Amino acid sequence: RARAYLQGRDFVMPDDVKAMAPKVLRHRLRTTYEADALGIDVDEITRRVLGAVPAP
């Protein structure tokens, strides 16, 4: 909502979620040893989730 407000809107758009998700989720997610070994970081996981979930 903060990003939408800063852009002069009183509503959130899917692009707001896509823009803020990596910053918001980075400290909440942890990778497994397997993901680390494969070079998959938290930002990659976030990209995959956002790509797999359709916007409303």
N, C-alpha and C. Protein backbone atom coordinates (compact mmCIF):
# COMPACT_ATOMS: atom_id res chain seq x y z
N ARG A 1 0.82 -1.19 0.00
CA ARG A 1 0.00 0.00 0.00
C ARG A 1 0.86 1.25 0.00
N ALA A 2 2.01 1.18 0.64
CA ALA A 2 2.89 2.35 0.69
C ALA A 2 3.36 2.74 -0.71
N ARG A 3 3.72 1.77 -1.52
CA ARG A 3 4.17 2.06 -2.88
C ARG A 3 3.05 2.69 -3.70
N ALA A 4 1.85 2.16 -3.57
CA ALA A 4 0.70 2.73 -4.27
C ALA A 4 0.47 4.17 -3.83
N TYR A 5 0.54 4.40 -2.54
CA TYR A 5 0.34 5.75 -2.00
C TYR A 5 1.40 6.71 -2.54
N LEU A 6 2.64 6.28 -2.56
CA LEU A 6 3.72 7.13 -3.06
C LEU A 6 3.56 7.45 -4.54
N GLN A 7 2.84 6.60 -5.24
CA GLN A 7 2.58 6.85 -6.66
C GLN A 7 1.24 7.53 -6.88
N GLY A 8 0.63 8.01 -5.80
CA GLY A 8 -0.59 8.79 -5.91
C GLY A 8 -1.87 7.99 -6.06
N ARG A 9 -1.84 6.73 -5.67
CA ARG A 9 -3.03 5.89 -5.77
C ARG A 9 -3.49 5.46 -4.39
N ASP A 10 -4.80 5.23 -4.27
CA ASP A 10 -5.34 4.72 -3.00
C ASP A 10 -5.72 3.24 -3.13
N PHE A 11 -5.13 2.57 -4.11
CA PHE A 11 -5.37 1.14 -4.33
C PHE A 11 -4.07 0.49 -4.78
N VAL A 12 -3.95 -0.79 -4.51
CA VAL A 12 -2.75 -1.56 -4.86
C VAL A 12 -2.98 -2.31 -6.16
N MET A 13 -1.97 -2.32 -7.00
CA MET A 13 -2.03 -3.04 -8.26
C MET A 13 -1.06 -4.23 -8.21
N PRO A 14 -1.27 -5.24 -9.06
CA PRO A 14 -0.35 -6.38 -9.08
C PRO A 14 1.12 -5.97 -9.25
N ASP A 15 1.38 -4.93 -10.02
CA ASP A 15 2.76 -4.47 -10.20
C ASP A 15 3.38 -3.99 -8.89
N ASP A 16 2.56 -3.44 -7.99
CA ASP A 16 3.06 -3.03 -6.68
C ASP A 16 3.55 -4.25 -5.90
N VAL A 17 2.77 -5.31 -5.94
CA VAL A 17 3.15 -6.54 -5.23
C VAL A 17 4.42 -7.11 -5.84
N LYS A 18 4.49 -7.16 -7.16
CA LYS A 18 5.68 -7.69 -7.83
C LYS A 18 6.92 -6.88 -7.50
N ALA A 19 6.77 -5.57 -7.41
CA ALA A 19 7.92 -4.72 -7.12
C ALA A 19 8.40 -4.85 -5.68
N MET A 20 7.48 -5.03 -4.75
CA MET A 20 7.84 -5.03 -3.33
C MET A 20 8.12 -6.42 -2.77
N ALA A 21 7.61 -7.46 -3.39
CA ALA A 21 7.74 -8.81 -2.84
C ALA A 21 9.19 -9.21 -2.55
N PRO A 22 10.13 -9.00 -3.47
CA PRO A 22 11.50 -9.41 -3.15
C PRO A 22 12.07 -8.70 -1.92
N LYS A 23 11.78 -7.43 -1.77
CA LYS A 23 12.30 -6.67 -0.64
C LYS A 23 11.64 -7.10 0.67
N VAL A 24 10.35 -7.38 0.61
CA VAL A 24 9.60 -7.75 1.81
C VAL A 24 9.88 -9.19 2.23
N LEU A 25 9.99 -10.08 1.26
CA LEU A 25 10.13 -11.51 1.57
C LEU A 25 11.57 -11.96 1.81
N ARG A 26 12.54 -11.18 1.37
CA ARG A 26 13.94 -11.60 1.44
C ARG A 26 14.34 -12.05 2.84
N HIS A 27 13.92 -11.34 3.86
CA HIS A 27 14.33 -11.70 5.22
C HIS A 27 13.42 -12.76 5.85
N ARG A 28 12.35 -13.14 5.18
CA ARG A 28 11.43 -14.13 5.73
C ARG A 28 11.64 -15.53 5.16
N LEU A 29 12.37 -15.64 4.08
CA LEU A 29 12.59 -16.93 3.44
C LEU A 29 14.01 -17.40 3.68
N ARG A 30 14.16 -18.70 3.76
CA ARG A 30 15.49 -19.32 3.87
C ARG A 30 15.60 -20.41 2.82
N THR A 31 16.77 -20.54 2.28
CA THR A 31 16.99 -21.59 1.30
C THR A 31 17.44 -22.87 2.00
N THR A 32 17.19 -23.99 1.34
CA THR A 32 17.66 -25.27 1.86
C THR A 32 19.10 -25.48 1.39
N TYR A 33 19.75 -26.48 1.95
CA TYR A 33 21.10 -26.81 1.51
C TYR A 33 21.09 -27.20 0.03
N GLU A 34 20.02 -27.89 -0.36
CA GLU A 34 19.91 -28.30 -1.77
C GLU A 34 19.81 -27.08 -2.68
N ALA A 35 18.99 -26.12 -2.31
CA ALA A 35 18.87 -24.90 -3.11
C ALA A 35 20.20 -24.16 -3.17
N ASP A 36 20.88 -24.07 -2.03
CA ASP A 36 22.20 -23.43 -2.01
C ASP A 36 23.16 -24.13 -2.97
N ALA A 37 23.16 -25.45 -2.96
CA ALA A 37 24.05 -26.21 -3.83
C ALA A 37 23.73 -25.98 -5.30
N LEU A 38 22.45 -25.74 -5.59
CA LEU A 38 22.03 -25.50 -6.97
C LEU A 38 22.16 -24.03 -7.37
N GLY A 39 22.56 -23.19 -6.42
CA GLY A 39 22.72 -21.76 -6.71
C GLY A 39 21.41 -21.01 -6.75
N ILE A 40 20.38 -21.54 -6.10
CA ILE A 40 19.07 -20.89 -6.06
C ILE A 40 19.00 -20.05 -4.80
N ASP A 41 18.86 -18.74 -4.99
CA ASP A 41 18.79 -17.86 -3.83
C ASP A 41 17.35 -17.42 -3.57
N VAL A 42 17.16 -16.65 -2.52
CA VAL A 42 15.82 -16.22 -2.13
C VAL A 42 15.17 -15.38 -3.22
N ASP A 43 15.96 -14.55 -3.89
CA ASP A 43 15.39 -13.73 -4.97
C ASP A 43 14.87 -14.60 -6.11
N GLU A 44 15.57 -15.68 -6.42
CA GLU A 44 15.12 -16.61 -7.46
C GLU A 44 13.83 -17.30 -7.05
N ILE A 45 13.74 -17.70 -5.81
CA ILE A 45 12.51 -18.33 -5.31
C ILE A 45 11.34 -17.35 -5.43
N THR A 46 11.57 -16.11 -5.04
CA THR A 46 10.52 -15.10 -5.14
C THR A 46 10.09 -14.90 -6.59
N ARG A 47 11.06 -14.83 -7.51
CA ARG A 47 10.73 -14.68 -8.93
C ARG A 47 9.89 -15.85 -9.43
N ARG A 48 10.25 -17.05 -9.01
CA ARG A 48 9.50 -18.24 -9.44
C ARG A 48 8.07 -18.23 -8.90
N VAL A 49 7.92 -17.85 -7.65
CA VAL A 49 6.58 -17.80 -7.06
C VAL A 49 5.74 -16.75 -7.76
N LEU A 50 6.29 -15.56 -7.96
CA LEU A 50 5.53 -14.51 -8.63
C LEU A 50 5.18 -14.90 -10.07
N GLY A 51 6.06 -15.65 -10.72
CA GLY A 51 5.78 -16.10 -12.08
C GLY A 51 4.74 -17.19 -12.15
N ALA A 52 4.60 -17.95 -11.07
CA ALA A 52 3.66 -19.07 -11.05
C ALA A 52 2.26 -18.69 -10.59
N VAL A 53 2.15 -17.59 -9.87
CA VAL A 53 0.86 -17.18 -9.33
C VAL A 53 0.28 -16.09 -10.22
N PRO A 54 -0.89 -16.35 -10.83
CA PRO A 54 -1.48 -15.34 -11.72
C PRO A 54 -2.01 -14.15 -10.93
N ALA A 55 -1.90 -12.98 -11.54
CA ALA A 55 -2.45 -11.76 -10.93
C ALA A 55 -3.97 -11.81 -11.01
N PRO A 56 -4.64 -11.29 -10.00
CA PRO A 56 -6.11 -11.30 -10.03
C PRO A 56 -6.67 -10.38 -11.10
